[in-house]
Amino acid sequence: MTERALPATPAHHKVLLVEDHRELAETVGAYLEASGYLVDYAADGLTGLHLAVTESFDALVLDIMLPGVDGLTLCRRLRQDAELSTPIIMLTARDELDDKLTGFDVGADDYLVKPFAMPELAARLDALIRRSKGEVSRHRYQVADLSMNTDTLEVVRGGQPLRLSRTQFAILRILMREAPNLVARSALEQELWGDDVPDSDTLRSHVYALRQIVDKPFDQPLIETVPGRGFRLCP
């Protein structure tokens, strides 16, 4: 397996796996992809560092014992030098308390000792990603003073209920789910309409109308357009 060779399937969350054990990397990657993740792969710390700082991920899974740059050093450099806030889970065969404390001290958010159960890794990733994105539960999102309940379809900003159309609600849900990451225009259109995408002005019109409700009555705008690329929520 060459680096980043794990097969990709359409996924919701993107994870970087940095693991030098080929067989374990293939097993973890295959399981996570079957669970709905998109997985990028690096076999050493230096490659992992490059990918982590040049691309956008929802979470990182780092082995401690890596060639070149070890996982602890990699985690420290990502937190201190790159100022990266992406959730990090450390994987290691070490189970001593001091080793775990060192991992947390350099910036890890969670810690799994090998051998571990794949469902536990997926569950911990899901919890960390939801927490980092401001998703209070599987049915609620929070970005700054804007909240959404996908069960009741309630959207509130600054204590004020907002009335949205079905399409406006769907657009805002995607932006809140991915915040603060950029959502490409094409990805937004694909999720909203599949292969039956309407004319090029339709999405722009919906976003404009959404801004009139979500941003215009308030002092701080949240919806940002990145020309030629897409949209994002910036708390």
Protein backbone atom coordinates (compact mmCIF):
# COMPACT_ATOMS: atom_id res chain seq x y z
CA MET A 1 0.00 0.00 0.00
CA THR A 2 1.39 3.37 -0.96
CA GLU A 3 0.68 6.43 1.12
CA ARG A 4 -2.86 7.77 0.79
CA ALA A 5 -3.79 4.63 -1.15
CA LEU A 6 -6.70 3.65 1.07
CA PRO A 7 -9.77 3.50 -1.20
CA ALA A 8 -12.05 6.51 -0.84
CA THR A 9 -15.81 6.42 -0.75
CA PRO A 10 -18.19 9.37 -0.42
CA ALA A 11 -17.95 10.37 3.20
CA HIS A 12 -19.09 12.94 5.62
CA HIS A 13 -16.03 13.40 7.82
CA LYS A 14 -12.42 13.36 6.68
CA VAL A 15 -9.80 11.67 8.86
CA LEU A 16 -6.02 11.53 8.57
CA LEU A 17 -4.54 8.21 9.77
CA VAL A 18 -0.80 8.28 10.54
CA GLU A 19 0.31 4.68 11.16
CA ASP A 20 3.46 2.88 10.01
CA HIS A 21 2.08 -0.64 10.50
CA ARG A 22 0.70 -1.42 7.05
CA GLU A 23 -1.71 -4.18 8.03
CA LEU A 24 -3.19 -2.21 10.93
CA ALA A 25 -3.50 0.90 8.75
CA GLU A 26 -5.42 -1.06 6.11
CA THR A 27 -7.70 -2.59 8.76
CA VAL A 28 -8.42 0.74 10.47
CA GLY A 29 -8.85 2.56 7.16
CA ALA A 30 -11.24 -0.05 5.78
CA TYR A 31 -13.34 -0.05 8.94
CA LEU A 32 -13.59 3.74 9.13
CA GLU A 33 -14.52 4.02 5.47
CA ALA A 34 -17.20 1.36 5.95
CA SER A 35 -18.44 3.54 8.83
CA GLY A 36 -18.77 6.56 6.54
CA TYR A 37 -15.43 8.33 6.89
CA LEU A 38 -13.08 9.49 4.16
CA VAL A 39 -9.58 8.38 5.16
CA ASP A 40 -6.23 9.80 4.08
CA TYR A 41 -3.13 7.86 5.06
CA ALA A 42 0.50 8.58 5.95
CA ALA A 43 3.09 5.97 6.95
CA ASP A 44 5.50 8.31 8.77
CA GLY A 45 5.39 11.40 10.93
CA LEU A 46 6.88 13.82 8.45
CA THR A 47 4.32 12.99 5.77
CA GLY A 48 1.59 13.14 8.39
CA LEU A 49 2.77 16.59 9.47
CA HIS A 50 2.73 17.85 5.88
CA LEU A 51 -0.78 16.53 5.19
CA ALA A 52 -2.17 17.79 8.50
CA VAL A 53 -1.04 21.37 7.92
CA THR A 54 -1.76 21.60 4.18
CA GLU A 55 -5.17 19.92 4.05
CA SER A 56 -8.36 20.12 6.08
CA PHE A 57 -9.36 17.18 8.30
CA ASP A 58 -12.10 16.66 10.84
CA ALA A 59 -9.86 14.48 13.03
CA LEU A 60 -6.38 12.95 13.18
CA VAL A 61 -5.48 9.43 14.33
CA LEU A 62 -1.78 9.27 15.23
CA ASP A 63 0.34 6.30 16.22
CA ILE A 64 3.01 7.17 18.78
CA MET A 65 5.79 4.94 17.41
CA LEU A 66 6.39 6.44 13.96
CA PRO A 67 9.54 6.60 11.81
CA GLY A 68 11.10 10.02 11.34
CA VAL A 69 8.92 12.19 13.56
CA ASP A 70 7.26 10.23 16.39
CA GLY A 71 3.60 10.73 17.22
CA LEU A 72 4.18 12.74 20.39
CA THR A 73 6.49 15.17 18.59
CA LEU A 74 4.06 15.35 15.68
CA CYS A 75 1.18 16.16 18.02
CA ARG A 76 3.22 18.82 19.83
CA ARG A 77 4.27 20.49 16.57
CA LEU A 78 0.71 20.50 15.26
CA ARG A 79 -0.57 22.14 18.44
CA GLN A 80 2.26 24.56 19.19
CA ASP A 81 3.82 25.41 15.82
CA ALA A 82 0.88 24.99 13.44
CA GLU A 83 -1.71 26.00 16.10
CA LEU A 84 -3.98 23.25 14.77
CA SER A 85 -7.15 22.64 16.80
CA THR A 86 -8.28 19.51 14.92
CA PRO A 87 -9.22 16.67 17.34
CA ILE A 88 -6.40 14.12 17.78
CA ILE A 89 -6.61 10.51 18.97
CA MET A 90 -3.32 8.80 19.83
CA LEU A 91 -2.85 5.07 19.14
CA THR A 92 -0.13 3.21 21.01
CA ALA A 93 0.90 -0.08 22.56
CA ARG A 94 1.98 1.80 25.67
CA ASP A 95 -0.46 1.63 28.54
CA GLU A 96 1.48 3.23 31.38
CA LEU A 97 -0.17 6.23 33.03
CA ASP A 98 2.87 8.45 32.40
CA ASP A 99 2.70 7.71 28.67
CA LYS A 100 -0.96 8.65 28.58
CA LEU A 101 -0.34 11.85 30.52
CA THR A 102 2.45 12.76 28.10
CA GLY A 103 0.08 12.28 25.19
CA PHE A 104 -2.50 14.58 26.73
CA ASP A 105 0.18 17.07 27.70
CA VAL A 106 1.30 17.52 24.08
CA GLY A 107 -2.26 18.13 22.94
CA ALA A 108 -3.99 14.80 22.30
CA ASP A 109 -7.73 14.75 22.91
CA ASP A 110 -8.09 11.00 23.40
CA TYR A 111 -5.94 7.89 23.75
CA LEU A 112 -6.46 4.26 22.66
CA VAL A 113 -4.17 1.42 23.66
CA LYS A 114 -3.50 -1.36 21.14
CA PRO A 115 -5.15 -3.75 20.63
CA PHE A 116 -8.41 -1.81 20.54
CA ALA A 117 -11.90 -2.49 19.23
CA MET A 118 -12.68 -0.78 15.91
CA PRO A 119 -16.21 0.24 17.00
CA GLU A 120 -14.68 2.03 19.99
CA LEU A 121 -12.31 4.00 17.75
CA ALA A 122 -15.19 5.01 15.47
CA ALA A 123 -17.35 6.00 18.44
CA ARG A 124 -14.58 8.12 19.97
CA LEU A 125 -13.90 9.80 16.64
CA ASP A 126 -17.58 10.57 16.19
CA ALA A 127 -17.82 12.08 19.68
CA LEU A 128 -14.70 14.22 19.25
CA ILE A 129 -15.76 15.51 15.83
CA ARG A 130 -19.27 16.36 16.97
CA ARG A 131 -17.88 18.21 19.98
CA SER A 132 -15.35 20.14 17.89
CA LYS A 133 -18.05 21.21 15.43
CA GLY A 134 -20.32 22.46 18.16
CA GLU A 135 -22.84 19.66 17.67
CA VAL A 136 -24.26 19.29 21.16
CA SER A 137 -25.91 16.00 20.19
CA ARG A 138 -26.68 14.14 17.00
CA HIS A 139 -29.70 16.39 16.58
CA ARG A 140 -28.41 19.80 17.67
CA TYR A 141 -25.81 22.20 16.29
CA GLN A 142 -24.40 25.33 17.84
CA VAL A 143 -22.24 27.99 16.13
CA ALA A 144 -21.70 31.19 18.12
CA ASP A 145 -25.20 32.39 19.16
CA LEU A 146 -26.88 30.38 16.39
CA SER A 147 -28.47 27.03 17.28
CA MET A 148 -30.38 24.40 15.32
CA ASN A 149 -32.44 21.43 16.41
CA THR A 150 -32.86 19.01 13.50
CA ASP A 151 -35.61 17.08 15.29
CA THR A 152 -37.91 20.03 15.95
CA LEU A 153 -36.61 22.09 12.96
CA GLU A 154 -36.11 25.03 15.33
CA VAL A 155 -33.43 27.61 14.50
CA VAL A 156 -32.62 30.32 17.04
CA ARG A 157 -30.09 33.13 16.99
CA GLY A 158 -29.49 35.36 20.00
CA GLY A 159 -32.66 34.02 21.57
CA GLN A 160 -34.73 34.98 18.52
CA PRO A 161 -36.49 32.19 16.56
CA LEU A 162 -35.79 32.23 12.82
CA ARG A 163 -38.25 31.11 10.14
CA LEU A 164 -36.53 29.29 7.28
CA SER A 165 -37.75 27.55 4.15
CA ARG A 166 -36.91 23.88 3.72
CA THR A 167 -34.01 24.66 1.38
CA GLN A 168 -32.69 27.43 3.62
CA PHE A 169 -32.80 25.04 6.58
CA ALA A 170 -30.93 22.38 4.59
CA ILE A 171 -28.21 24.84 3.53
CA LEU A 172 -27.77 26.15 7.06
CA ARG A 173 -27.63 22.62 8.49
CA ILE A 174 -24.78 21.72 6.14
CA LEU A 175 -22.87 24.91 6.92
CA MET A 176 -23.33 24.44 10.68
CA ARG A 177 -22.33 20.80 10.48
CA GLU A 178 -19.09 21.63 8.69
CA ALA A 179 -18.29 24.92 10.47
CA PRO A 180 -15.80 26.49 10.43
CA ASN A 181 -14.62 24.54 7.38
CA LEU A 182 -15.35 25.73 3.86
CA VAL A 183 -18.13 23.89 1.98
CA ALA A 184 -17.43 23.85 -1.73
CA ARG A 185 -20.24 25.13 -3.92
CA SER A 186 -20.31 21.86 -5.87
CA ALA A 187 -20.47 19.78 -2.67
CA LEU A 188 -23.32 21.91 -1.34
CA GLU A 189 -25.27 21.58 -4.59
CA GLN A 190 -24.67 17.82 -4.69
CA GLU A 191 -25.96 17.32 -1.16
CA LEU A 192 -28.98 19.54 -1.74
CA TRP A 193 -30.08 18.35 -5.17
CA GLY A 194 -27.99 15.31 -6.12
CA ASP A 195 -27.40 15.07 -9.86
CA ASP A 196 -30.41 17.25 -10.66
CA VAL A 197 -28.71 20.59 -9.91
CA PRO A 198 -30.76 23.66 -10.97
CA ASP A 199 -29.28 26.66 -12.75
CA SER A 200 -26.18 28.39 -11.38
CA ASP A 201 -28.08 31.28 -9.80
CA THR A 202 -30.35 29.10 -7.66
CA LEU A 203 -27.89 28.38 -4.85
CA ARG A 204 -26.73 32.00 -4.81
CA SER A 205 -30.33 33.16 -4.45
CA HIS A 206 -31.01 30.76 -1.58
CA VAL A 207 -27.84 31.83 0.26
CA TYR A 208 -28.73 35.50 -0.23
CA ALA A 209 -32.19 34.91 1.24
CA LEU A 210 -30.66 32.92 4.10
CA ARG A 211 -28.35 35.83 4.91
CA GLN A 212 -31.31 38.19 5.17
CA ILE A 213 -32.68 36.01 7.96
CA VAL A 214 -29.57 34.73 9.74
CA ASP A 215 -27.23 37.72 9.44
CA LYS A 216 -28.95 40.96 8.51
CA PRO A 217 -30.90 41.54 11.77
CA PHE A 218 -27.76 40.93 13.85
CA ASP A 219 -24.54 42.84 14.46
CA GLN A 220 -22.14 39.98 13.61
CA PRO A 221 -22.52 38.22 10.23
CA LEU A 222 -21.81 34.48 10.25
CA ILE A 223 -22.21 33.36 6.63
CA GLU A 224 -19.13 34.01 4.51
CA THR A 225 -18.78 33.58 0.75
CA VAL A 226 -15.34 32.61 -0.54
CA PRO A 227 -15.44 33.73 -4.19
CA GLY A 228 -14.96 30.90 -6.65
CA ARG A 229 -14.86 28.28 -3.89
CA GLY A 230 -17.89 28.08 -1.66
CA PHE A 231 -19.39 29.10 1.68
CA ARG A 232 -18.73 28.72 5.38
CA LEU A 233 -19.93 29.79 8.80
CA CYS A 234 -17.36 31.86 10.68
CA PRO A 235 -18.20 32.24 14.39
